[in-house]
Amino acid sequence: FVNVMYICIRKANKKNIKRNQMLSETQKEILTEIKARLLHGDIADIAKSVKMSRVYVTRVLTPSTDFYNEEIVNAAVFLIEKRKQDNDKKLKKLQAT
């Protein structure tokens, strides 16, 4: 398991991922907000969309770690925005009836 994680991190580092540097307060706030809005199964969906492991995606989206990956953050934001749009459509449809 440790070797698999090491390989995932090495592959991730080749994709210009910032690691081992302190996250800014803004980045921590963004990650905290994203983490609060994720539902059960969202990590797996994000991992699948960016083709990275669920473990690595979880580490990136945890504000207390010093991993940051813009691609993962963007995928999470896209998922949250899509869910909000779908909920708004459902709400309008219910109000129309």
PDB file of N, CA and C in Angstrom:
ATOM      1  N   PHE A   1       0.826  -1.202   0.000  1.00  0.00           N
ATOM      2  CA  PHE A   1       0.000   0.000   0.000  1.00  0.00           C
ATOM      3  C   PHE A   1       0.862   1.255   0.000  1.00  0.00           C
ATOM      4  N   VAL A   2       1.932   1.247   0.787  1.00  0.00           N
ATOM      5  CA  VAL A   2       2.805   2.417   0.845  1.00  0.00           C
ATOM      6  C   VAL A   2       3.456   2.644  -0.510  1.00  0.00           C
ATOM      7  N   ASN A   3       3.886   1.564  -1.167  1.00  0.00           N
ATOM      8  CA  ASN A   3       4.504   1.713  -2.489  1.00  0.00           C
ATOM      9  C   ASN A   3       3.520   2.266  -3.511  1.00  0.00           C
ATOM     10  N   VAL A   4       2.275   1.817  -3.451  1.00  0.00           N
ATOM     11  CA  VAL A   4       1.256   2.312  -4.373  1.00  0.00           C
ATOM     12  C   VAL A   4       1.048   3.806  -4.163  1.00  0.00           C
ATOM     13  N   MET A   5       0.969   4.233  -2.898  1.00  0.00           N
ATOM     14  CA  MET A   5       0.784   5.653  -2.595  1.00  0.00           C
ATOM     15  C   MET A   5       1.977   6.460  -3.089  1.00  0.00           C
ATOM     16  N   TYR A   6       3.177   5.943  -2.891  1.00  0.00           N
ATOM     17  CA  TYR A   6       4.382   6.629  -3.345  1.00  0.00           C
ATOM     18  C   TYR A   6       4.356   6.796  -4.858  1.00  0.00           C
ATOM     19  N   ILE A   7       3.928   5.764  -5.581  1.00  0.00           N
ATOM     20  CA  ILE A   7       3.849   5.842  -7.034  1.00  0.00           C
ATOM     21  C   ILE A   7       2.816   6.884  -7.455  1.00  0.00           C
ATOM     22  N   CYS A   8       1.658   6.914  -6.776  1.00  0.00           N
ATOM     23  CA  CYS A   8       0.620   7.908  -7.091  1.00  0.00           C
ATOM     24  C   CYS A   8       1.131   9.321  -6.866  1.00  0.00           C
ATOM     25  N   ILE A   9       1.848   9.520  -5.772  1.00  0.00           N
ATOM     26  CA  ILE A   9       2.378  10.858  -5.471  1.00  0.00           C
ATOM     27  C   ILE A   9       3.434  11.244  -6.497  1.00  0.00           C
ATOM     28  N   ARG A  10       4.288  10.304  -6.906  1.00  0.00           N
ATOM     29  CA  ARG A  10       5.304  10.608  -7.917  1.00  0.00           C
ATOM     30  C   ARG A  10       4.657  10.970  -9.243  1.00  0.00           C
ATOM     31  N   LYS A  11       3.618  10.224  -9.639  1.00  0.00           N
ATOM     32  CA  LYS A  11       2.914  10.549 -10.877  1.00  0.00           C
ATOM     33  C   LYS A  11       2.267  11.919 -10.774  1.00  0.00           C
ATOM     34  N   ALA A  12       1.693  12.203  -9.609  1.00  0.00           N
ATOM     35  CA  ALA A  12       1.039  13.497  -9.410  1.00  0.00           C
ATOM     36  C   ALA A  12       2.050  14.634  -9.484  1.00  0.00           C
ATOM     37  N   ASN A  13       3.242  14.423  -8.936  1.00  0.00           N
ATOM     38  CA  ASN A  13       4.265  15.464  -8.959  1.00  0.00           C
ATOM     39  C   ASN A  13       4.711  15.779 -10.372  1.00  0.00           C
ATOM     40  N   LYS A  14       4.635  14.815 -11.272  1.00  0.00           N
ATOM     41  CA  LYS A  14       5.006  15.050 -12.653  1.00  0.00           C
ATOM     42  C   LYS A  14       3.997  15.948 -13.354  1.00  0.00           C
ATOM     43  N   LYS A  15       2.804  16.102 -12.767  1.00  0.00           N
ATOM     44  CA  LYS A  15       1.761  16.926 -13.372  1.00  0.00           C
ATOM     45  C   LYS A  15       1.744  18.332 -12.769  1.00  0.00           C
ATOM     46  N   ASN A  16       2.891  18.834 -12.351  1.00  0.00           N
ATOM     47  CA  ASN A  16       3.035  20.184 -11.805  1.00  0.00           C
ATOM     48  C   ASN A  16       2.159  20.433 -10.596  1.00  0.00           C
ATOM     49  N   ILE A  17       2.190  19.536  -9.666  1.00  0.00           N
ATOM     50  CA  ILE A  17       1.394  19.677  -8.459  1.00  0.00           C
ATOM     51  C   ILE A  17       2.289  20.240  -7.359  1.00  0.00           C
ATOM     52  N   LYS A  18       1.780  21.237  -6.683  1.00  0.00           N
ATOM     53  CA  LYS A  18       2.530  21.845  -5.594  1.00  0.00           C
ATOM     54  C   LYS A  18       2.442  20.947  -4.372  1.00  0.00           C
ATOM     55  N   ARG A  19       3.567  20.659  -3.779  1.00  0.00           N
ATOM     56  CA  ARG A  19       3.596  19.784  -2.620  1.00  0.00           C
ATOM     57  C   ARG A  19       4.685  20.265  -1.679  1.00  0.00           C
ATOM     58  N   ASN A  20       4.526  19.993  -0.398  1.00  0.00           N
ATOM     59  CA  ASN A  20       5.491  20.347   0.626  1.00  0.00           C
ATOM     60  C   ASN A  20       5.717  21.849   0.722  1.00  0.00           C
ATOM     61  N   GLN A  21       4.693  22.612   0.497  1.00  0.00           N
ATOM     62  CA  GLN A  21       4.752  24.036   0.779  1.00  0.00           C
ATOM     63  C   GLN A  21       3.456  24.401   1.486  1.00  0.00           C
ATOM     64  N   MET A  22       3.525  25.411   2.283  1.00  0.00           N
ATOM     65  CA  MET A  22       2.369  25.786   3.081  1.00  0.00           C
ATOM     66  C   MET A  22       1.268  26.339   2.186  1.00  0.00           C
ATOM     67  N   LEU A  23       0.045  25.930   2.485  1.00  0.00           N
ATOM     68  CA  LEU A  23      -1.100  26.471   1.764  1.00  0.00           C
ATOM     69  C   LEU A  23      -1.393  27.865   2.296  1.00  0.00           C
ATOM     70  N   SER A  24      -1.829  28.743   1.417  1.00  0.00           N
ATOM     71  CA  SER A  24      -2.212  30.080   1.858  1.00  0.00           C
ATOM     72  C   SER A  24      -3.544  29.993   2.601  1.00  0.00           C
ATOM     73  N   GLU A  25      -3.872  31.025   3.318  1.00  0.00           N
ATOM     74  CA  GLU A  25      -5.144  31.054   4.048  1.00  0.00           C
ATOM     75  C   GLU A  25      -6.324  30.977   3.072  1.00  0.00           C
ATOM     76  N   THR A  26      -6.183  31.630   1.924  1.00  0.00           N
ATOM     77  CA  THR A  26      -7.245  31.592   0.921  1.00  0.00           C
ATOM     78  C   THR A  26      -7.461  30.170   0.418  1.00  0.00           C
ATOM     79  N   GLN A  27      -6.378  29.465   0.132  1.00  0.00           N
ATOM     80  CA  GLN A  27      -6.494  28.081  -0.321  1.00  0.00           C
ATOM     81  C   GLN A  27      -7.147  27.206   0.748  1.00  0.00           C
ATOM     82  N   LYS A  28      -6.783  27.426   2.007  1.00  0.00           N
ATOM     83  CA  LYS A  28      -7.385  26.653   3.096  1.00  0.00           C
ATOM     84  C   LYS A  28      -8.878  26.936   3.215  1.00  0.00           C
ATOM     85  N   GLU A  29      -9.262  28.209   3.055  1.00  0.00           N
ATOM     86  CA  GLU A  29     -10.687  28.566   3.110  1.00  0.00           C
ATOM     87  C   GLU A  29     -11.461  27.923   1.965  1.00  0.00           C
ATOM     88  N   ILE A  30     -10.871  27.945   0.775  1.00  0.00           N
ATOM     89  CA  ILE A  30     -11.520  27.327  -0.381  1.00  0.00           C
ATOM     90  C   ILE A  30     -11.703  25.833  -0.148  1.00  0.00           C
ATOM     91  N   LEU A  31     -10.660  25.173   0.313  1.00  0.00           N
ATOM     92  CA  LEU A  31     -10.742  23.731   0.563  1.00  0.00           C
ATOM     93  C   LEU A  31     -11.743  23.404   1.667  1.00  0.00           C
ATOM     94  N   THR A  32     -11.820  24.232   2.688  1.00  0.00           N
ATOM     95  CA  THR A  32     -12.783  24.019   3.764  1.00  0.00           C
ATOM     96  C   THR A  32     -14.211  24.117   3.235  1.00  0.00           C
ATOM     97  N   GLU A  33     -14.455  25.116   2.409  1.00  0.00           N
ATOM     98  CA  GLU A  33     -15.792  25.298   1.830  1.00  0.00           C
ATOM     99  C   GLU A  33     -16.144  24.141   0.899  1.00  0.00           C
ATOM    100  N   ILE A  34     -15.196  23.737   0.072  1.00  0.00           N
ATOM    101  CA  ILE A  34     -15.436  22.614  -0.834  1.00  0.00           C
ATOM    102  C   ILE A  34     -15.734  21.351  -0.038  1.00  0.00           C
ATOM    103  N   LYS A  35     -14.923  21.076   0.957  1.00  0.00           N
ATOM    104  CA  LYS A  35     -15.089  19.862   1.775  1.00  0.00           C
ATOM    105  C   LYS A  35     -16.464  19.834   2.439  1.00  0.00           C
ATOM    106  N   ALA A  36     -16.944  20.993   2.861  1.00  0.00           N
ATOM    107  CA  ALA A  36     -18.251  21.062   3.530  1.00  0.00           C
ATOM    108  C   ALA A  36     -19.400  20.766   2.569  1.00  0.00           C
ATOM    109  N   ARG A  37     -19.205  21.025   1.296  1.00  0.00           N
ATOM    110  CA  ARG A  37     -20.285  20.847   0.321  1.00  0.00           C
ATOM    111  C   ARG A  37     -20.261  19.490  -0.395  1.00  0.00           C
ATOM    112  N   LEU A  38     -19.230  18.703  -0.174  1.00  0.00           N
ATOM    113  CA  LEU A  38     -19.155  17.401  -0.836  1.00  0.00           C
ATOM    114  C   LEU A  38     -20.077  16.394  -0.156  1.00  0.00           C
ATOM    115  N   LEU A  39     -20.671  15.544  -0.960  1.00  0.00           N
ATOM    116  CA  LEU A  39     -21.563  14.504  -0.458  1.00  0.00           C
ATOM    117  C   LEU A  39     -20.890  13.141  -0.573  1.00  0.00           C
ATOM    118  N   HIS A  40     -21.552  12.145  -0.012  1.00  0.00           N
ATOM    119  CA  HIS A  40     -21.043  10.778  -0.066  1.00  0.00           C
ATOM    120  C   HIS A  40     -20.864  10.354  -1.526  1.00  0.00           C
ATOM    121  N   GLY A  41     -19.686   9.878  -1.862  1.00  0.00           N
ATOM    122  CA  GLY A  41     -19.412   9.423  -3.215  1.00  0.00           C
ATOM    123  C   GLY A  41     -18.776  10.465  -4.119  1.00  0.00           C
ATOM    124  N   ASP A  42     -18.737  11.706  -3.690  1.00  0.00           N
ATOM    125  CA  ASP A  42     -18.172  12.763  -4.533  1.00  0.00           C
ATOM    126  C   ASP A  42     -16.665  12.600  -4.743  1.00  0.00           C
ATOM    127  N   ILE A  43     -15.949  12.161  -3.716  1.00  0.00           N
ATOM    128  CA  ILE A  43     -14.502  11.970  -3.842  1.00  0.00           C
ATOM    129  C   ILE A  43     -14.217  10.961  -4.948  1.00  0.00           C
ATOM    130  N   ALA A  44     -14.968   9.867  -4.971  1.00  0.00           N
ATOM    131  CA  ALA A  44     -14.778   8.844  -6.010  1.00  0.00           C
ATOM    132  C   ALA A  44     -15.077   9.415  -7.390  1.00  0.00           C
ATOM    133  N   ASP A  45     -16.119  10.227  -7.499  1.00  0.00           N
ATOM    134  CA  ASP A  45     -16.460  10.842  -8.784  1.00  0.00           C
ATOM    135  C   ASP A  45     -15.370  11.800  -9.252  1.00  0.00           C
ATOM    136  N   ILE A  46     -14.836  12.587  -8.330  1.00  0.00           N
ATOM    137  CA  ILE A  46     -13.766  13.530  -8.667  1.00  0.00           C
ATOM    138  C   ILE A  46     -12.518  12.759  -9.073  1.00  0.00           C
ATOM    139  N   ALA A  47     -12.176  11.723  -8.314  1.00  0.00           N
ATOM    140  CA  ALA A  47     -10.994  10.917  -8.633  1.00  0.00           C
ATOM    141  C   ALA A  47     -11.109  10.295 -10.016  1.00  0.00           C
ATOM    142  N   LYS A  48     -12.284   9.829 -10.333  1.00  0.00           N
ATOM    143  CA  LYS A  48     -12.513   9.220 -11.652  1.00  0.00           C
ATOM    144  C   LYS A  48     -12.378  10.260 -12.762  1.00  0.00           C
ATOM    145  N   SER A  49     -12.900  11.455 -12.531  1.00  0.00           N
ATOM    146  CA  SER A  49     -12.856  12.486 -13.572  1.00  0.00           C
ATOM    147  C   SER A  49     -11.442  13.013 -13.824  1.00  0.00           C
ATOM    148  N   VAL A  50     -10.599  13.048 -12.788  1.00  0.00           N
ATOM    149  CA  VAL A  50      -9.224  13.542 -12.967  1.00  0.00           C
ATOM    150  C   VAL A  50      -8.219  12.408 -13.124  1.00  0.00           C
ATOM    151  N   LYS A  51      -8.710  11.157 -13.049  1.00  0.00           N
ATOM    152  CA  LYS A  51      -7.882   9.965 -13.224  1.00  0.00           C
ATOM    153  C   LYS A  51      -6.744   9.897 -12.211  1.00  0.00           C
ATOM    154  N   MET A  52      -7.103  10.126 -10.951  1.00  0.00           N
ATOM    155  CA  MET A  52      -6.158   9.991  -9.847  1.00  0.00           C
ATOM    156  C   MET A  52      -6.817   9.149  -8.761  1.00  0.00           C
ATOM    157  N   SER A  53      -6.038   8.722  -7.795  1.00  0.00           N
ATOM    158  CA  SER A  53      -6.584   7.850  -6.753  1.00  0.00           C
ATOM    159  C   SER A  53      -7.476   8.624  -5.791  1.00  0.00           C
ATOM    160  N   ARG A  54      -8.427   7.910  -5.191  1.00  0.00           N
ATOM    161  CA  ARG A  54      -9.317   8.524  -4.196  1.00  0.00           C
ATOM    162  C   ARG A  54      -8.527   9.007  -2.993  1.00  0.00           C
ATOM    163  N   VAL A  55      -7.501   8.269  -2.625  1.00  0.00           N
ATOM    164  CA  VAL A  55      -6.675   8.655  -1.472  1.00  0.00           C
ATOM    165  C   VAL A  55      -6.003   9.990  -1.734  1.00  0.00           C
ATOM    166  N   TYR A  56      -5.437  10.139  -2.927  1.00  0.00           N
ATOM    167  CA  TYR A  56      -4.758  11.388  -3.249  1.00  0.00           C
ATOM    168  C   TYR A  56      -5.745  12.553  -3.330  1.00  0.00           C
ATOM    169  N   VAL A  57      -6.900  12.319  -3.922  1.00  0.00           N
ATOM    170  CA  VAL A  57      -7.922  13.368  -4.016  1.00  0.00           C
ATOM    171  C   VAL A  57      -8.351  13.792  -2.613  1.00  0.00           C
ATOM    172  N   THR A  58      -8.534  12.827  -1.725  1.00  0.00           N
ATOM    173  CA  THR A  58      -8.905  13.149  -0.343  1.00  0.00           C
ATOM    174  C   THR A  58      -7.834  14.001   0.317  1.00  0.00           C
ATOM    175  N   ARG A  59      -6.570  13.647   0.117  1.00  0.00           N
ATOM    176  CA  ARG A  59      -5.478  14.439   0.707  1.00  0.00           C
ATOM    177  C   ARG A  59      -5.455  15.859   0.156  1.00  0.00           C
ATOM    178  N   VAL A  60      -5.674  15.998  -1.124  1.00  0.00           N
ATOM    179  CA  VAL A  60      -5.664  17.339  -1.736  1.00  0.00           C
ATOM    180  C   VAL A  60      -6.811  18.182  -1.202  1.00  0.00           C
ATOM    181  N   LEU A  61      -7.981  17.579  -1.003  1.00  0.00           N
ATOM    182  CA  LEU A  61      -9.153  18.343  -0.562  1.00  0.00           C
ATOM    183  C   LEU A  61      -9.244  18.505   0.944  1.00  0.00           C
ATOM    184  N   THR A  62      -8.233  18.047   1.678  1.00  0.00           N
ATOM    185  CA  THR A  62      -8.198  18.220   3.125  1.00  0.00           C
ATOM    186  C   THR A  62      -7.346  19.443   3.444  1.00  0.00           C
ATOM    187  N   PRO A  63      -7.936  20.470   4.045  1.00  0.00           N
ATOM    188  CA  PRO A  63      -7.202  21.723   4.281  1.00  0.00           C
ATOM    189  C   PRO A  63      -6.006  21.581   5.221  1.00  0.00           C
ATOM    190  N   SER A  64      -5.999  20.571   6.079  1.00  0.00           N
ATOM    191  CA  SER A  64      -4.907  20.439   7.039  1.00  0.00           C
ATOM    192  C   SER A  64      -3.648  19.829   6.438  1.00  0.00           C
ATOM    193  N   THR A  65      -3.710  19.353   5.201  1.00  0.00           N
ATOM    194  CA  THR A  65      -2.514  18.827   4.537  1.00  0.00           C
ATOM    195  C   THR A  65      -1.936  19.899   3.629  1.00  0.00           C
ATOM    196  N   ASP A  66      -0.701  19.700   3.227  1.00  0.00           N
ATOM    197  CA  ASP A  66      -0.044  20.683   2.363  1.00  0.00           C
ATOM    198  C   ASP A  66       0.037  20.206   0.922  1.00  0.00           C
ATOM    199  N   PHE A  67      -1.015  19.539   0.475  1.00  0.00           N
ATOM    200  CA  PHE A  67      -1.120  19.132  -0.927  1.00  0.00           C
ATOM    201  C   PHE A  67      -2.093  20.098  -1.600  1.00  0.00           C
ATOM    202  N   TYR A  68      -1.814  20.467  -2.823  1.00  0.00           N
ATOM    203  CA  TYR A  68      -2.747  21.308  -3.563  1.00  0.00           C
ATOM    204  C   TYR A  68      -2.643  20.953  -5.032  1.00  0.00           C
ATOM    205  N   ASN A  69      -3.786  20.767  -5.655  1.00  0.00           N
ATOM    206  CA  ASN A  69      -3.825  20.427  -7.070  1.00  0.00           C
ATOM    207  C   ASN A  69      -5.002  21.176  -7.682  1.00  0.00           C
ATOM    208  N   GLU A  70      -4.681  22.092  -8.551  1.00  0.00           N
ATOM    209  CA  GLU A  70      -5.699  22.957  -9.152  1.00  0.00           C
ATOM    210  C   GLU A  70      -6.723  22.155  -9.949  1.00  0.00           C
ATOM    211  N   GLU A  71      -6.266  21.102 -10.618  1.00  0.00           N
ATOM    212  CA  GLU A  71      -7.172  20.270 -11.420  1.00  0.00           C
ATOM    213  C   GLU A  71      -8.227  19.599 -10.539  1.00  0.00           C
ATOM    214  N   ILE A  72      -7.814  19.092  -9.389  1.00  0.00           N
ATOM    215  CA  ILE A  72      -8.751  18.444  -8.462  1.00  0.00           C
ATOM    216  C   ILE A  72      -9.713  19.469  -7.874  1.00  0.00           C
ATOM    217  N   VAL A  73      -9.200  20.617  -7.487  1.00  0.00           N
ATOM    218  CA  VAL A  73     -10.053  21.668  -6.932  1.00  0.00           C
ATOM    219  C   VAL A  73     -11.077  22.119  -7.967  1.00  0.00           C
ATOM    220  N   ASN A  74     -10.653  22.299  -9.202  1.00  0.00           N
ATOM    221  CA  ASN A  74     -11.586  22.703 -10.261  1.00  0.00           C
ATOM    222  C   ASN A  74     -12.650  21.645 -10.510  1.00  0.00           C
ATOM    223  N   ALA A  75     -12.262  20.371 -10.474  1.00  0.00           N
ATOM    224  CA  ALA A  75     -13.230  19.286 -10.669  1.00  0.00           C
ATOM    225  C   ALA A  75     -14.255  19.275  -9.534  1.00  0.00           C
ATOM    226  N   ALA A  76     -13.799  19.529  -8.315  1.00  0.00           N
ATOM    227  CA  ALA A  76     -14.708  19.569  -7.169  1.00  0.00           C
ATOM    228  C   ALA A  76     -15.681  20.741  -7.287  1.00  0.00           C
ATOM    229  N   VAL A  77     -15.176  21.897  -7.665  1.00  0.00           N
ATOM    230  CA  VAL A  77     -16.027  23.078  -7.828  1.00  0.00           C
ATOM    231  C   VAL A  77     -17.045  22.836  -8.938  1.00  0.00           C
ATOM    232  N   PHE A  78     -16.627  22.236 -10.041  1.00  0.00           N
ATOM    233  CA  PHE A  78     -17.535  21.934 -11.150  1.00  0.00           C
ATOM    234  C   PHE A  78     -18.652  21.004 -10.683  1.00  0.00           C
ATOM    235  N   LEU A  79     -18.292  19.978  -9.919  1.00  0.00           N
ATOM    236  CA  LEU A  79     -19.289  19.035  -9.409  1.00  0.00           C
ATOM    237  C   LEU A  79     -20.302  19.729  -8.502  1.00  0.00           C
ATOM    238  N   ILE A  80     -19.823  20.598  -7.628  1.00  0.00           N
ATOM    239  CA  ILE A  80     -20.701  21.323  -6.705  1.00  0.00           C
ATOM    240  C   ILE A  80     -21.618  22.271  -7.480  1.00  0.00           C
ATOM    241  N   GLU A  81     -21.061  22.996  -8.446  1.00  0.00           N
ATOM    242  CA  GLU A  81     -21.871  23.927  -9.242  1.00  0.00           C
ATOM    243  C   GLU A  81     -22.925  23.188 -10.052  1.00  0.00           C
ATOM    244  N   LYS A  82     -22.551  22.056 -10.623  1.00  0.00           N
ATOM    245  CA  LYS A  82     -23.505  21.261 -11.398  1.00  0.00           C
ATOM    246  C   LYS A  82     -24.657  20.789 -10.516  1.00  0.00           C
ATOM    247  N   ARG A  83     -24.338  20.338  -9.302  1.00  0.00           N
ATOM    248  CA  ARG A  83     -25.371  19.893  -8.375  1.00  0.00           C
ATOM    249  C   ARG A  83     -26.309  21.045  -8.030  1.00  0.00           C
ATOM    250  N   LYS A  84     -25.755  22.235  -7.809  1.00  0.00           N
ATOM    251  CA  LYS A  84     -26.576  23.399  -7.481  1.00  0.00           C
ATOM    252  C   LYS A  84     -27.512  23.748  -8.639  1.00  0.00           C
ATOM    253  N   GLN A  85     -27.000  23.712  -9.858  1.00  0.00           N
ATOM    254  CA  GLN A  85     -27.832  24.006 -11.029  1.00  0.00           C
ATOM    255  C   GLN A  85     -28.954  22.978 -11.174  1.00  0.00           C
ATOM    256  N   ASP A  86     -28.625  21.713 -10.970  1.00  0.00           N
ATOM    257  CA  ASP A  86     -29.646  20.656 -11.061  1.00  0.00           C
ATOM    258  C   ASP A  86     -30.714  20.840  -9.988  1.00  0.00           C
ATOM    259  N   ASN A  87     -30.289  21.194  -8.782  1.00  0.00           N
ATOM    260  CA  ASN A  87     -31.257  21.422  -7.699  1.00  0.00           C
ATOM    261  C   ASN A  87     -32.145  22.629  -7.987  1.00  0.00           C
ATOM    262  N   ASP A  88     -31.560  23.685  -8.559  1.00  0.00           N
ATOM    263  CA  ASP A  88     -32.346  24.869  -8.915  1.00  0.00           C
ATOM    264  C   ASP A  88     -33.394  24.536  -9.971  1.00  0.00           C
ATOM    265  N   LYS A  89     -33.017  23.713 -10.961  1.00  0.00           N
ATOM    266  CA  LYS A  89     -33.965  23.302 -11.996  1.00  0.00           C
ATOM    267  C   LYS A  89     -35.113  22.487 -11.392  1.00  0.00           C
ATOM    268  N   LYS A  90     -34.775  21.574 -10.487  1.00  0.00           N
ATOM    269  CA  LYS A  90     -35.802  20.756  -9.845  1.00  0.00           C
ATOM    270  C   LYS A  90     -36.746  21.627  -9.016  1.00  0.00           C
ATOM    271  N   LEU A  91     -36.183  22.610  -8.319  1.00  0.00           N
ATOM    272  CA  LEU A  91     -36.992  23.495  -7.494  1.00  0.00           C
ATOM    273  C   LEU A  91     -37.945  24.319  -8.354  1.00  0.00           C
ATOM    274  N   LYS A  92     -37.464  24.850  -9.468  1.00  0.00           N
ATOM    275  CA  LYS A  92     -38.329  25.616 -10.374  1.00  0.00           C
ATOM    276  C   LYS A  92     -39.418  24.737 -10.954  1.00  0.00           C
ATOM    277  N   LYS A  93     -39.080  23.505 -11.265  1.00  0.00           N
ATOM    278  CA  LYS A  93     -40.071  22.581 -11.817  1.00  0.00           C
ATOM    279  C   LYS A  93     -41.155  22.277 -10.785  1.00  0.00           C
ATOM    280  N   LEU A  94     -40.740  22.110  -9.533  1.00  0.00           N
ATOM    281  CA  LEU A  94     -41.723  21.861  -8.462  1.00  0.00           C
ATOM    282  C   LEU A  94     -42.601  23.076  -8.199  1.00  0.00           C
ATOM    283  N   GLN A  95     -42.017  24.262  -8.277  1.00  0.00           N
ATOM    284  CA  GLN A  95     -42.783  25.480  -8.044  1.00  0.00           C
ATOM    285  C   GLN A  95     -43.779  25.733  -9.173  1.00  0.00           C
ATOM    286  N   ALA A  96     -43.419  25.287 -10.390  1.00  0.00           N
ATOM    287  CA  ALA A  96     -44.295  25.495 -11.532  1.00  0.00           C
ATOM    288  C   ALA A  96     -45.546  24.603 -11.470  1.00  0.00           C
ATOM    289  N   THR A  97     -45.440  23.478 -10.769  1.00  0.00           N
ATOM    290  CA  THR A  97     -46.584  22.567 -10.708  1.00  0.00           C
ATOM    291  C   THR A  97     -47.528  22.891  -9.587  1.00  0.00           C
TER     292      THR A  97
END
